[in-house]
Amino acid sequence: MSDGSTPRPAEDAHEKLDRDELLTRLRDVTDQRDKLLSQFEAMALQVDESVREIDDAQLDAQHNAQQAHDSARRAEAEAARAEDLVRQLDEERRRRDELAAEFDRFRDTAAHRIEEDPWGLLWAALAQILHDAVAWLRAKLPPDSALLPWFDRTVEGAKTAFRLAVKAMAAFFDWAKPHALAIWARLRAEAARLMGGSQSGPR
């Protein structure tokens, strides 16, 4: 038998050492791989958390920006409404002052009007009352109301009818005044005659 077919203990020990060393290195590499995978998973979780935080921050920023925009629009609308209310208040004050001035003029006219024309004073008072009522009603309608043209036409027609009625009453008064004075004079003369006759009669 030859010596080459019999394994040598030294070679067997060397091969066993190489195999153990390879297994040890393989376990080390596997451990390093697992550590790296764990680190990568932790980093991925951190990245996902950071992305969610950034998304939430962006959503919050967009929401806050929308709220700020809405607040600014509401503030502009409130400012415009306040300006409109101030304008309406100024308009009401102007109309009130105009009515007060008109009333003062009417009062001065009435104070200086002669007492022999009571009908004229009455018609002037009625005209002033109607004018103030119409002005007050028209002031209650909005400037852009569709009723304004109809209201103005109605008022103009009423003014025309009123002026015609005043002219008719004045003409009737002018016609009736001399007749009434003549009748009154005859009544006074007849009463004086009767009174005189009764005093000169038999006792």
N, C-alpha and C. Protein backbone atom coordinates (compact mmCIF):
# COMPACT_ATOMS: atom_id res chain seq x y z
N MET A 1 0.84 -1.18 0.00
CA MET A 1 0.00 0.00 0.00
C MET A 1 0.86 1.21 0.00
N SER A 2 0.47 2.26 -0.64
CA SER A 2 1.27 3.50 -0.71
C SER A 2 0.88 4.42 0.42
N ASP A 3 1.74 5.36 0.76
CA ASP A 3 1.50 6.33 1.83
C ASP A 3 0.53 7.41 1.42
N GLY A 4 0.29 7.67 0.08
CA GLY A 4 -0.57 8.78 -0.37
C GLY A 4 -2.02 8.56 -0.07
N SER A 5 -2.44 7.30 0.15
CA SER A 5 -3.86 7.05 0.38
C SER A 5 -4.24 7.22 1.84
N THR A 6 -3.37 7.46 2.72
CA THR A 6 -3.64 7.60 4.15
C THR A 6 -3.60 9.07 4.51
N PRO A 7 -4.75 9.67 5.02
CA PRO A 7 -4.75 11.11 5.36
C PRO A 7 -3.80 11.39 6.51
N ARG A 8 -3.29 12.59 6.40
CA ARG A 8 -2.36 13.00 7.43
C ARG A 8 -3.06 13.87 8.45
N PRO A 9 -2.74 13.66 9.69
CA PRO A 9 -3.41 14.45 10.75
C PRO A 9 -3.15 15.94 10.62
N ALA A 10 -2.00 16.36 10.19
CA ALA A 10 -1.67 17.78 10.09
C ALA A 10 -2.54 18.47 9.05
N GLU A 11 -2.78 17.79 7.94
CA GLU A 11 -3.60 18.39 6.88
C GLU A 11 -5.06 18.47 7.32
N ASP A 12 -5.53 17.42 8.03
CA ASP A 12 -6.89 17.44 8.51
C ASP A 12 -7.11 18.60 9.49
N ALA A 13 -6.15 18.81 10.36
CA ALA A 13 -6.27 19.91 11.34
C ALA A 13 -6.27 21.25 10.64
N HIS A 14 -5.46 21.36 9.59
CA HIS A 14 -5.39 22.64 8.87
C HIS A 14 -6.72 22.92 8.15
N GLU A 15 -7.29 21.86 7.55
CA GLU A 15 -8.56 22.06 6.86
C GLU A 15 -9.68 22.40 7.84
N LYS A 16 -9.68 21.75 9.02
CA LYS A 16 -10.68 22.06 10.03
C LYS A 16 -10.54 23.50 10.50
N LEU A 17 -9.31 23.97 10.68
CA LEU A 17 -9.08 25.36 11.10
C LEU A 17 -9.59 26.34 10.05
N ASP A 18 -9.33 26.04 8.79
CA ASP A 18 -9.81 26.95 7.73
C ASP A 18 -11.34 26.98 7.69
N ARG A 19 -11.96 25.83 7.91
CA ARG A 19 -13.41 25.77 7.88
C ARG A 19 -14.02 26.55 9.06
N ASP A 20 -13.46 26.39 10.24
CA ASP A 20 -13.94 27.14 11.41
C ASP A 20 -13.75 28.64 11.23
N GLU A 21 -12.64 29.00 10.64
CA GLU A 21 -12.38 30.44 10.42
C GLU A 21 -13.37 31.01 9.42
N LEU A 22 -13.69 30.22 8.39
CA LEU A 22 -14.65 30.69 7.41
C LEU A 22 -16.04 30.85 8.03
N LEU A 23 -16.41 29.87 8.87
CA LEU A 23 -17.71 29.97 9.54
C LEU A 23 -17.76 31.18 10.46
N THR A 24 -16.66 31.41 11.16
CA THR A 24 -16.62 32.57 12.06
C THR A 24 -16.75 33.87 11.26
N ARG A 25 -16.01 33.95 10.17
CA ARG A 25 -16.10 35.16 9.34
C ARG A 25 -17.49 35.30 8.73
N LEU A 26 -18.08 34.17 8.36
CA LEU A 26 -19.42 34.23 7.78
C LEU A 26 -20.42 34.75 8.82
N ARG A 27 -20.27 34.27 10.08
CA ARG A 27 -21.15 34.77 11.13
C ARG A 27 -20.92 36.26 11.36
N ASP A 28 -19.66 36.69 11.31
CA ASP A 28 -19.37 38.12 11.49
C ASP A 28 -20.00 38.95 10.37
N VAL A 29 -19.87 38.44 9.16
CA VAL A 29 -20.45 39.18 8.03
C VAL A 29 -21.97 39.23 8.15
N THR A 30 -22.56 38.10 8.57
CA THR A 30 -24.01 38.07 8.75
C THR A 30 -24.45 39.04 9.83
N ASP A 31 -23.70 39.06 10.94
CA ASP A 31 -24.03 40.01 12.01
C ASP A 31 -23.92 41.45 11.52
N GLN A 32 -22.87 41.76 10.77
CA GLN A 32 -22.71 43.12 10.25
C GLN A 32 -23.86 43.47 9.29
N ARG A 33 -24.21 42.44 8.47
CA ARG A 33 -25.34 42.69 7.55
C ARG A 33 -26.63 42.98 8.31
N ASP A 34 -26.88 42.18 9.39
CA ASP A 34 -28.10 42.40 10.17
C ASP A 34 -28.08 43.77 10.85
N LYS A 35 -26.91 44.18 11.35
CA LYS A 35 -26.80 45.48 11.97
C LYS A 35 -27.08 46.61 10.96
N LEU A 36 -26.47 46.44 9.77
CA LEU A 36 -26.70 47.46 8.74
C LEU A 36 -28.18 47.51 8.34
N LEU A 37 -28.80 46.31 8.21
CA LEU A 37 -30.22 46.30 7.87
C LEU A 37 -31.05 46.97 8.95
N SER A 38 -30.71 46.72 10.22
CA SER A 38 -31.43 47.36 11.32
C SER A 38 -31.24 48.87 11.28
N GLN A 39 -30.00 49.29 11.01
CA GLN A 39 -29.75 50.73 10.92
C GLN A 39 -30.53 51.36 9.76
N PHE A 40 -30.53 50.65 8.61
CA PHE A 40 -31.27 51.16 7.46
C PHE A 40 -32.77 51.24 7.75
N GLU A 41 -33.32 50.23 8.43
CA GLU A 41 -34.74 50.25 8.79
C GLU A 41 -35.04 51.41 9.74
N ALA A 42 -34.15 51.62 10.72
CA ALA A 42 -34.35 52.75 11.64
C ALA A 42 -34.27 54.07 10.90
N MET A 43 -33.31 54.19 9.98
CA MET A 43 -33.21 55.42 9.19
C MET A 43 -34.46 55.62 8.31
N ALA A 44 -34.97 54.50 7.74
CA ALA A 44 -36.17 54.61 6.91
C ALA A 44 -37.36 55.06 7.74
N LEU A 45 -37.49 54.52 8.96
CA LEU A 45 -38.57 54.95 9.84
C LEU A 45 -38.43 56.43 10.20
N GLN A 46 -37.20 56.85 10.47
CA GLN A 46 -36.98 58.28 10.78
C GLN A 46 -37.33 59.15 9.58
N VAL A 47 -36.96 58.68 8.38
CA VAL A 47 -37.26 59.45 7.18
C VAL A 47 -38.78 59.54 6.98
N ASP A 48 -39.47 58.39 7.18
CA ASP A 48 -40.93 58.42 7.05
C ASP A 48 -41.56 59.35 8.06
N GLU A 49 -41.09 59.33 9.30
CA GLU A 49 -41.61 60.22 10.33
C GLU A 49 -41.35 61.68 9.98
N SER A 50 -40.14 61.92 9.47
CA SER A 50 -39.81 63.30 9.08
C SER A 50 -40.69 63.76 7.93
N VAL A 51 -40.94 62.84 6.97
CA VAL A 51 -41.80 63.21 5.83
C VAL A 51 -43.21 63.51 6.31
N ARG A 52 -43.73 62.68 7.24
CA ARG A 52 -45.07 62.95 7.78
C ARG A 52 -45.11 64.28 8.53
N GLU A 53 -44.06 64.56 9.31
CA GLU A 53 -44.01 65.83 10.02
C GLU A 53 -43.97 67.01 9.04
N ILE A 54 -43.19 66.85 7.97
CA ILE A 54 -43.12 67.92 6.97
C ILE A 54 -44.46 68.10 6.29
N ASP A 55 -45.13 66.96 5.95
CA ASP A 55 -46.46 67.04 5.32
C ASP A 55 -47.45 67.72 6.26
N ASP A 56 -47.41 67.34 7.54
CA ASP A 56 -48.32 67.96 8.51
C ASP A 56 -48.03 69.45 8.64
N ALA A 57 -46.73 69.78 8.66
CA ALA A 57 -46.36 71.20 8.75
C ALA A 57 -46.84 71.98 7.53
N GLN A 58 -46.72 71.36 6.34
CA GLN A 58 -47.20 72.01 5.13
C GLN A 58 -48.71 72.19 5.15
N LEU A 59 -49.41 71.13 5.61
CA LEU A 59 -50.87 71.26 5.71
C LEU A 59 -51.27 72.34 6.70
N ASP A 60 -50.57 72.38 7.85
CA ASP A 60 -50.86 73.43 8.82
C ASP A 60 -50.58 74.81 8.24
N ALA A 61 -49.47 74.91 7.52
CA ALA A 61 -49.14 76.20 6.92
C ALA A 61 -50.18 76.61 5.90
N GLN A 62 -50.63 75.65 5.06
CA GLN A 62 -51.67 75.96 4.08
C GLN A 62 -52.98 76.34 4.76
N HIS A 63 -53.32 75.60 5.83
CA HIS A 63 -54.55 75.91 6.56
C HIS A 63 -54.48 77.30 7.19
N ASN A 64 -53.32 77.60 7.79
CA ASN A 64 -53.16 78.92 8.40
C ASN A 64 -53.19 80.02 7.34
N ALA A 65 -52.60 79.74 6.19
CA ALA A 65 -52.63 80.73 5.12
C ALA A 65 -54.06 80.95 4.62
N GLN A 66 -54.84 79.86 4.50
CA GLN A 66 -56.23 79.99 4.08
C GLN A 66 -57.04 80.76 5.10
N GLN A 67 -56.80 80.46 6.39
CA GLN A 67 -57.50 81.20 7.44
C GLN A 67 -57.14 82.68 7.41
N ALA A 68 -55.85 82.95 7.20
CA ALA A 68 -55.44 84.36 7.12
C ALA A 68 -56.08 85.04 5.93
N HIS A 69 -56.16 84.32 4.79
CA HIS A 69 -56.80 84.90 3.60
C HIS A 69 -58.28 85.15 3.86
N ASP A 70 -58.96 84.17 4.48
CA ASP A 70 -60.38 84.35 4.79
C ASP A 70 -60.58 85.49 5.78
N SER A 71 -59.70 85.59 6.77
CA SER A 71 -59.82 86.68 7.74
C SER A 71 -59.62 88.03 7.06
N ALA A 72 -58.67 88.08 6.13
CA ALA A 72 -58.44 89.34 5.41
C ALA A 72 -59.65 89.72 4.58
N ARG A 73 -60.28 88.71 3.91
CA ARG A 73 -61.48 89.00 3.12
C ARG A 73 -62.63 89.45 4.01
N ARG A 74 -62.78 88.79 5.17
CA ARG A 74 -63.83 89.22 6.10
C ARG A 74 -63.57 90.63 6.60
N ALA A 75 -62.30 90.93 6.88
CA ALA A 75 -61.97 92.27 7.35
C ALA A 75 -62.28 93.31 6.27
N GLU A 76 -61.97 92.98 5.00
CA GLU A 76 -62.29 93.91 3.90
C GLU A 76 -63.80 94.10 3.77
N ALA A 77 -64.56 92.98 3.90
CA ALA A 77 -66.02 93.09 3.80
C ALA A 77 -66.59 93.92 4.94
N GLU A 78 -66.07 93.73 6.15
CA GLU A 78 -66.55 94.51 7.29
C GLU A 78 -66.19 95.98 7.13
N ALA A 79 -65.00 96.25 6.61
CA ALA A 79 -64.61 97.65 6.39
C ALA A 79 -65.51 98.30 5.34
N ALA A 80 -65.82 97.55 4.26
CA ALA A 80 -66.72 98.10 3.24
C ALA A 80 -68.11 98.34 3.81
N ARG A 81 -68.59 97.42 4.64
CA ARG A 81 -69.91 97.59 5.25
C ARG A 81 -69.91 98.81 6.19
N ALA A 82 -68.82 98.96 6.94
CA ALA A 82 -68.74 100.12 7.84
C ALA A 82 -68.75 101.42 7.05
N GLU A 83 -68.03 101.46 5.93
CA GLU A 83 -68.04 102.66 5.09
C GLU A 83 -69.44 102.93 4.53
N ASP A 84 -70.15 101.86 4.13
CA ASP A 84 -71.51 102.02 3.61
C ASP A 84 -72.45 102.54 4.70
N LEU A 85 -72.30 102.01 5.93
CA LEU A 85 -73.14 102.49 7.02
C LEU A 85 -72.85 103.95 7.34
N VAL A 86 -71.57 104.33 7.31
CA VAL A 86 -71.23 105.74 7.54
C VAL A 86 -71.83 106.62 6.45
N ARG A 87 -71.78 106.13 5.19
CA ARG A 87 -72.36 106.91 4.09
C ARG A 87 -73.88 107.05 4.27
N GLN A 88 -74.54 105.95 4.66
CA GLN A 88 -75.98 106.03 4.89
C GLN A 88 -76.31 106.96 6.05
N LEU A 89 -75.49 106.91 7.10
CA LEU A 89 -75.72 107.81 8.23
C LEU A 89 -75.55 109.26 7.82
N ASP A 90 -74.52 109.55 7.04
CA ASP A 90 -74.32 110.92 6.55
C ASP A 90 -75.49 111.36 5.68
N GLU A 91 -75.99 110.44 4.85
CA GLU A 91 -77.12 110.77 3.98
C GLU A 91 -78.38 111.06 4.81
N GLU A 92 -78.61 110.24 5.84
CA GLU A 92 -79.75 110.48 6.72
C GLU A 92 -79.62 111.82 7.44
N ARG A 93 -78.42 112.12 7.90
CA ARG A 93 -78.21 113.41 8.58
C ARG A 93 -78.44 114.56 7.62
N ARG A 94 -77.98 114.41 6.36
CA ARG A 94 -78.17 115.48 5.38
C ARG A 94 -79.65 115.69 5.10
N ARG A 95 -80.40 114.59 4.94
CA ARG A 95 -81.83 114.72 4.69
C ARG A 95 -82.55 115.29 5.90
N ARG A 96 -82.11 114.89 7.08
CA ARG A 96 -82.73 115.46 8.29
C ARG A 96 -82.50 116.95 8.36
N ASP A 97 -81.27 117.38 8.04
CA ASP A 97 -80.98 118.82 8.05
C ASP A 97 -81.80 119.54 6.99
N GLU A 98 -81.97 118.91 5.81
CA GLU A 98 -82.78 119.55 4.78
C GLU A 98 -84.22 119.69 5.23
N LEU A 99 -84.76 118.65 5.86
CA LEU A 99 -86.14 118.73 6.35
C LEU A 99 -86.28 119.79 7.44
N ALA A 100 -85.27 119.86 8.33
CA ALA A 100 -85.31 120.88 9.38
C ALA A 100 -85.26 122.28 8.79
N ALA A 101 -84.38 122.47 7.77
CA ALA A 101 -84.31 123.78 7.13
C ALA A 101 -85.62 124.11 6.41
N GLU A 102 -86.22 123.11 5.77
CA GLU A 102 -87.50 123.34 5.09
C GLU A 102 -88.60 123.70 6.09
N PHE A 103 -88.58 123.04 7.23
CA PHE A 103 -89.58 123.35 8.26
C PHE A 103 -89.37 124.77 8.81
N ASP A 104 -88.09 125.14 8.99
CA ASP A 104 -87.81 126.50 9.46
C ASP A 104 -88.32 127.55 8.46
N ARG A 105 -88.12 127.27 7.16
CA ARG A 105 -88.60 128.21 6.13
C ARG A 105 -90.13 128.29 6.15
N PHE A 106 -90.78 127.14 6.32
CA PHE A 106 -92.23 127.15 6.38
C PHE A 106 -92.72 127.91 7.61
N ARG A 107 -92.03 127.73 8.74
CA ARG A 107 -92.45 128.43 9.96
C ARG A 107 -92.27 129.93 9.80
N ASP A 108 -91.16 130.36 9.18
CA ASP A 108 -90.97 131.79 8.95
C ASP A 108 -92.02 132.34 8.00
N THR A 109 -92.33 131.56 6.96
CA THR A 109 -93.36 132.01 6.02
C THR A 109 -94.72 132.13 6.69
N ALA A 110 -95.03 131.13 7.53
CA ALA A 110 -96.32 131.17 8.23
C ALA A 110 -96.38 132.33 9.22
N ALA A 111 -95.25 132.65 9.85
CA ALA A 111 -95.24 133.74 10.82
C ALA A 111 -95.44 135.10 10.15
N HIS A 112 -94.95 135.23 8.91
CA HIS A 112 -95.06 136.52 8.21
C HIS A 112 -96.26 136.58 7.26
N ARG A 113 -97.00 135.49 7.13
CA ARG A 113 -98.15 135.53 6.22
C ARG A 113 -99.28 136.34 6.85
N ILE A 114 -99.96 137.10 6.04
CA ILE A 114 -101.05 137.93 6.56
C ILE A 114 -102.21 137.04 6.97
N GLU A 115 -102.93 137.45 8.01
CA GLU A 115 -104.02 136.64 8.51
C GLU A 115 -105.24 136.66 7.60
N GLU A 116 -105.26 137.55 6.62
CA GLU A 116 -106.42 137.62 5.73
C GLU A 116 -106.43 136.50 4.70
N ASP A 117 -105.38 135.70 4.65
CA ASP A 117 -105.32 134.61 3.67
C ASP A 117 -105.19 133.27 4.39
N PRO A 118 -106.19 132.85 5.17
CA PRO A 118 -106.07 131.58 5.90
C PRO A 118 -106.05 130.37 4.99
N TRP A 119 -106.74 130.46 3.83
CA TRP A 119 -106.72 129.34 2.91
C TRP A 119 -105.32 129.09 2.35
N GLY A 120 -104.63 130.15 2.02
CA GLY A 120 -103.25 130.00 1.54
C GLY A 120 -102.35 129.37 2.58
N LEU A 121 -102.53 129.80 3.84
CA LEU A 121 -101.73 129.21 4.92
C LEU A 121 -102.05 127.73 5.09
N LEU A 122 -103.32 127.39 4.97
CA LEU A 122 -103.71 125.99 5.11
C LEU A 122 -103.12 125.14 4.00
N TRP A 123 -103.22 125.63 2.74
CA TRP A 123 -102.67 124.86 1.64
C TRP A 123 -101.15 124.74 1.75
N ALA A 124 -100.50 125.80 2.20
CA ALA A 124 -99.05 125.73 2.37
C ALA A 124 -98.67 124.70 3.44
N ALA A 125 -99.46 124.66 4.53
CA ALA A 125 -99.18 123.68 5.59
C ALA A 125 -99.38 122.26 5.06
N LEU A 126 -100.48 122.05 4.32
CA LEU A 126 -100.71 120.72 3.75
C LEU A 126 -99.62 120.32 2.77
N ALA A 127 -99.20 121.27 1.94
CA ALA A 127 -98.15 120.98 0.97
C ALA A 127 -96.84 120.62 1.67
N GLN A 128 -96.53 121.32 2.75
CA GLN A 128 -95.30 121.04 3.48
C GLN A 128 -95.35 119.66 4.14
N ILE A 129 -96.50 119.33 4.71
CA ILE A 129 -96.65 118.01 5.34
C ILE A 129 -96.50 116.90 4.31
N LEU A 130 -97.15 117.07 3.16
CA LEU A 130 -97.03 116.07 2.12
C LEU A 130 -95.60 115.96 1.59
N HIS A 131 -94.95 117.11 1.43
CA HIS A 131 -93.57 117.09 0.95
C HIS A 131 -92.65 116.35 1.92
N ASP A 132 -92.81 116.62 3.21
CA ASP A 132 -91.98 115.93 4.21
C ASP A 132 -92.27 114.44 4.24
N ALA A 133 -93.54 114.07 4.11
CA ALA A 133 -93.89 112.64 4.12
C ALA A 133 -93.30 111.93 2.90
N VAL A 134 -93.38 112.56 1.74
CA VAL A 134 -92.81 111.96 0.53
C VAL A 134 -91.29 111.83 0.66
N ALA A 135 -90.63 112.86 1.17
CA ALA A 135 -89.18 112.80 1.34
C ALA A 135 -88.79 111.70 2.31
N TRP A 136 -89.56 111.55 3.37
CA TRP A 136 -89.26 110.51 4.37
C TRP A 136 -89.44 109.12 3.76
N LEU A 137 -90.52 108.92 3.00
CA LEU A 137 -90.75 107.62 2.36
C LEU A 137 -89.67 107.30 1.33
N ARG A 138 -89.29 108.30 0.54
CA ARG A 138 -88.27 108.05 -0.49
C ARG A 138 -86.92 107.74 0.13
N ALA A 139 -86.62 108.33 1.29
CA ALA A 139 -85.35 108.07 1.96
C ALA A 139 -85.26 106.63 2.46
N LYS A 140 -86.41 105.99 2.67
CA LYS A 140 -86.41 104.61 3.15
C LYS A 140 -86.11 103.61 2.03
N LEU A 141 -86.24 104.02 0.78
CA LEU A 141 -85.97 103.12 -0.34
C LEU A 141 -84.47 103.11 -0.65
N PRO A 142 -83.87 101.94 -0.90
CA PRO A 142 -82.45 101.89 -1.27
C PRO A 142 -82.20 102.64 -2.56
N PRO A 143 -80.97 103.18 -2.72
CA PRO A 143 -80.68 103.95 -3.95
C PRO A 143 -80.82 103.12 -5.22
N ASP A 144 -80.57 101.80 -5.15
CA ASP A 144 -80.66 100.96 -6.34
C ASP A 144 -81.98 100.20 -6.42
N SER A 145 -82.99 100.65 -5.70
CA SER A 145 -84.27 99.95 -5.69
C SER A 145 -84.99 100.15 -7.02
N ALA A 146 -85.64 99.07 -7.48
CA ALA A 146 -86.42 99.16 -8.72
C ALA A 146 -87.72 99.93 -8.53
N LEU A 147 -88.10 100.20 -7.28
CA LEU A 147 -89.33 100.92 -7.00
C LEU A 147 -89.17 102.44 -7.13
N LEU A 148 -87.93 102.92 -7.17
CA LEU A 148 -87.73 104.37 -7.20
C LEU A 148 -88.38 105.04 -8.42
N PRO A 149 -88.18 104.53 -9.65
CA PRO A 149 -88.84 105.20 -10.80
C PRO A 149 -90.36 105.23 -10.64
N TRP A 150 -90.93 104.09 -10.25
CA TRP A 150 -92.39 104.05 -10.05
C TRP A 150 -92.82 105.01 -8.96
N PHE A 151 -92.05 105.07 -7.87
CA PHE A 151 -92.39 105.97 -6.77
C PHE A 151 -92.33 107.43 -7.23
N ASP A 152 -91.27 107.78 -7.98
CA ASP A 152 -91.14 109.17 -8.44
C ASP A 152 -92.27 109.54 -9.40
N ARG A 153 -92.63 108.60 -10.29
CA ARG A 153 -93.75 108.91 -11.21
C ARG A 153 -95.06 109.08 -10.44
N THR A 154 -95.27 108.21 -9.45
CA THR A 154 -96.49 108.32 -8.65
C THR A 154 -96.53 109.64 -7.90
N VAL A 155 -95.42 110.02 -7.31
CA VAL A 155 -95.37 111.28 -6.56
C VAL A 155 -95.59 112.46 -7.49
N GLU A 156 -94.98 112.41 -8.69
CA GLU A 156 -95.15 113.52 -9.63
C GLU A 156 -96.61 113.64 -10.06
N GLY A 157 -97.27 112.49 -10.29
CA GLY A 157 -98.69 112.53 -10.64
C GLY A 157 -99.53 113.08 -9.50
N ALA A 158 -99.20 112.68 -8.27
CA ALA A 158 -99.95 113.19 -7.12
C ALA A 158 -99.73 114.69 -6.96
N LYS A 159 -98.49 115.16 -7.20
CA LYS A 159 -98.24 116.61 -7.11
C LYS A 159 -99.06 117.37 -8.15
N THR A 160 -99.10 116.82 -9.36
CA THR A 160 -99.89 117.49 -10.41
C THR A 160 -101.37 117.55 -10.03
N ALA A 161 -101.89 116.43 -9.54
CA ALA A 161 -103.30 116.41 -9.12
C ALA A 161 -103.54 117.38 -7.96
N PHE A 162 -102.59 117.45 -7.05
CA PHE A 162 -102.74 118.35 -5.91
C PHE A 162 -102.72 119.81 -6.37
N ARG A 163 -101.79 120.12 -7.30
CA ARG A 163 -101.74 121.51 -7.80
C ARG A 163 -103.04 121.88 -8.51
N LEU A 164 -103.59 120.93 -9.29
CA LEU A 164 -104.86 121.21 -9.97
C LEU A 164 -105.99 121.40 -8.97
N ALA A 165 -105.97 120.57 -7.91
CA ALA A 165 -107.01 120.72 -6.89
C ALA A 165 -106.89 122.06 -6.18
N VAL A 166 -105.65 122.48 -5.90
CA VAL A 166 -105.45 123.77 -5.25
C VAL A 166 -105.94 124.91 -6.14
N LYS A 167 -105.61 124.81 -7.44
CA LYS A 167 -106.08 125.86 -8.36
C LYS A 167 -107.60 125.88 -8.42
N ALA A 168 -108.22 124.70 -8.46
CA ALA A 168 -109.69 124.65 -8.52
C ALA A 168 -110.30 125.23 -7.25
N MET A 169 -109.74 124.89 -6.09
CA MET A 169 -110.26 125.43 -4.84
C MET A 169 -110.04 126.93 -4.76
N ALA A 170 -108.89 127.39 -5.24
CA ALA A 170 -108.64 128.84 -5.22
C ALA A 170 -109.61 129.58 -6.13
N ALA A 171 -109.84 128.98 -7.32
CA ALA A 171 -110.80 129.62 -8.24
C ALA A 171 -112.19 129.63 -7.63
N PHE A 172 -112.58 128.52 -6.99
CA PHE A 172 -113.90 128.49 -6.36
C PHE A 172 -113.97 129.50 -5.22
N PHE A 173 -112.91 129.64 -4.46
CA PHE A 173 -112.90 130.60 -3.36
C PHE A 173 -112.99 132.02 -3.89
N ASP A 174 -112.21 132.29 -4.96
CA ASP A 174 -112.26 133.62 -5.54
C ASP A 174 -113.66 133.94 -6.08
N TRP A 175 -114.32 132.92 -6.68
CA TRP A 175 -115.67 133.14 -7.20
C TRP A 175 -116.68 133.29 -6.07
N ALA A 176 -116.55 132.48 -5.00
CA ALA A 176 -117.54 132.48 -3.93
C ALA A 176 -117.34 133.63 -2.96
N LYS A 177 -116.12 134.15 -2.84
CA LYS A 177 -115.85 135.19 -1.84
C LYS A 177 -116.72 136.43 -2.06
N PRO A 178 -116.80 137.02 -3.26
CA PRO A 178 -117.66 138.21 -3.41
C PRO A 178 -119.13 137.91 -3.14
N HIS A 179 -119.59 136.73 -3.59
CA HIS A 179 -120.99 136.39 -3.33
C HIS A 179 -121.25 136.21 -1.85
N ALA A 180 -120.30 135.58 -1.17
CA ALA A 180 -120.47 135.40 0.28
C ALA A 180 -120.45 136.74 0.99
N LEU A 181 -119.58 137.66 0.54
CA LEU A 181 -119.53 138.98 1.17
C LEU A 181 -120.82 139.76 0.91
N ALA A 182 -121.36 139.63 -0.35
CA ALA A 182 -122.61 140.32 -0.66
C ALA A 182 -123.76 139.77 0.17
N ILE A 183 -123.79 138.44 0.30
CA ILE A 183 -124.85 137.82 1.11
C ILE A 183 -124.71 138.23 2.57
N TRP A 184 -123.47 138.26 3.03
CA TRP A 184 -123.24 138.67 4.41
C TRP A 184 -123.66 140.12 4.63
N ALA A 185 -123.37 140.99 3.65
CA ALA A 185 -123.76 142.40 3.78
C ALA A 185 -125.28 142.53 3.80
N ARG A 186 -125.98 141.78 2.95
CA ARG A 186 -127.44 141.86 2.95
C ARG A 186 -128.02 141.34 4.26
N LEU A 187 -127.44 140.26 4.77
CA LEU A 187 -127.92 139.73 6.06
C LEU A 187 -127.72 140.74 7.18
N ARG A 188 -126.58 141.41 7.18
CA ARG A 188 -126.33 142.40 8.22
C ARG A 188 -127.29 143.58 8.08
N ALA A 189 -127.55 144.02 6.83
CA ALA A 189 -128.49 145.14 6.62
C ALA A 189 -129.89 144.75 7.04
N GLU A 190 -130.31 143.53 6.69
CA GLU A 190 -131.65 143.08 7.06
C GLU A 190 -131.78 142.97 8.57
N ALA A 191 -130.71 142.47 9.22
CA ALA A 191 -130.76 142.36 10.68
C ALA A 191 -130.83 143.74 11.32
N ALA A 192 -130.07 144.71 10.75
CA ALA A 192 -130.10 146.06 11.31
C ALA A 192 -131.47 146.69 11.10
N ARG A 193 -132.08 146.43 9.93
CA ARG A 193 -133.41 146.98 9.67
C ARG A 193 -134.44 146.41 10.62
N LEU A 194 -134.35 145.11 10.83
CA LEU A 194 -135.31 144.50 11.75
C LEU A 194 -135.12 145.00 13.17
N MET A 195 -133.85 145.14 13.55
CA MET A 195 -133.58 145.63 14.90
C MET A 195 -134.05 147.07 15.04
N GLY A 196 -133.84 147.88 14.00
CA GLY A 196 -134.30 149.27 14.06
C GLY A 196 -135.81 149.37 14.08
N GLY A 197 -136.51 148.53 13.31
CA GLY A 197 -137.96 148.56 13.28
C GLY A 197 -138.57 148.15 14.60
N SER A 198 -137.96 147.19 15.24
CA SER A 198 -138.51 146.75 16.53
C SER A 198 -138.33 147.80 17.60
N GLN A 199 -137.25 148.59 17.48
CA GLN A 199 -137.03 149.63 18.50
C GLN A 199 -137.97 150.83 18.28
N SER A 200 -138.38 151.14 17.02
CA SER A 200 -139.25 152.31 16.74
C SER A 200 -140.73 151.96 16.76
N GLY A 201 -141.12 150.77 17.06
CA GLY A 201 -142.52 150.35 17.07
C GLY A 201 -143.27 150.87 18.29
N PRO A 202 -144.61 150.60 18.37
CA PRO A 202 -145.41 151.10 19.50
C PRO A 202 -144.94 150.49 20.80
N ARG A 203 -145.12 151.29 21.84
CA ARG A 203 -144.72 150.83 23.15
C ARG A 203 -145.92 150.37 23.91
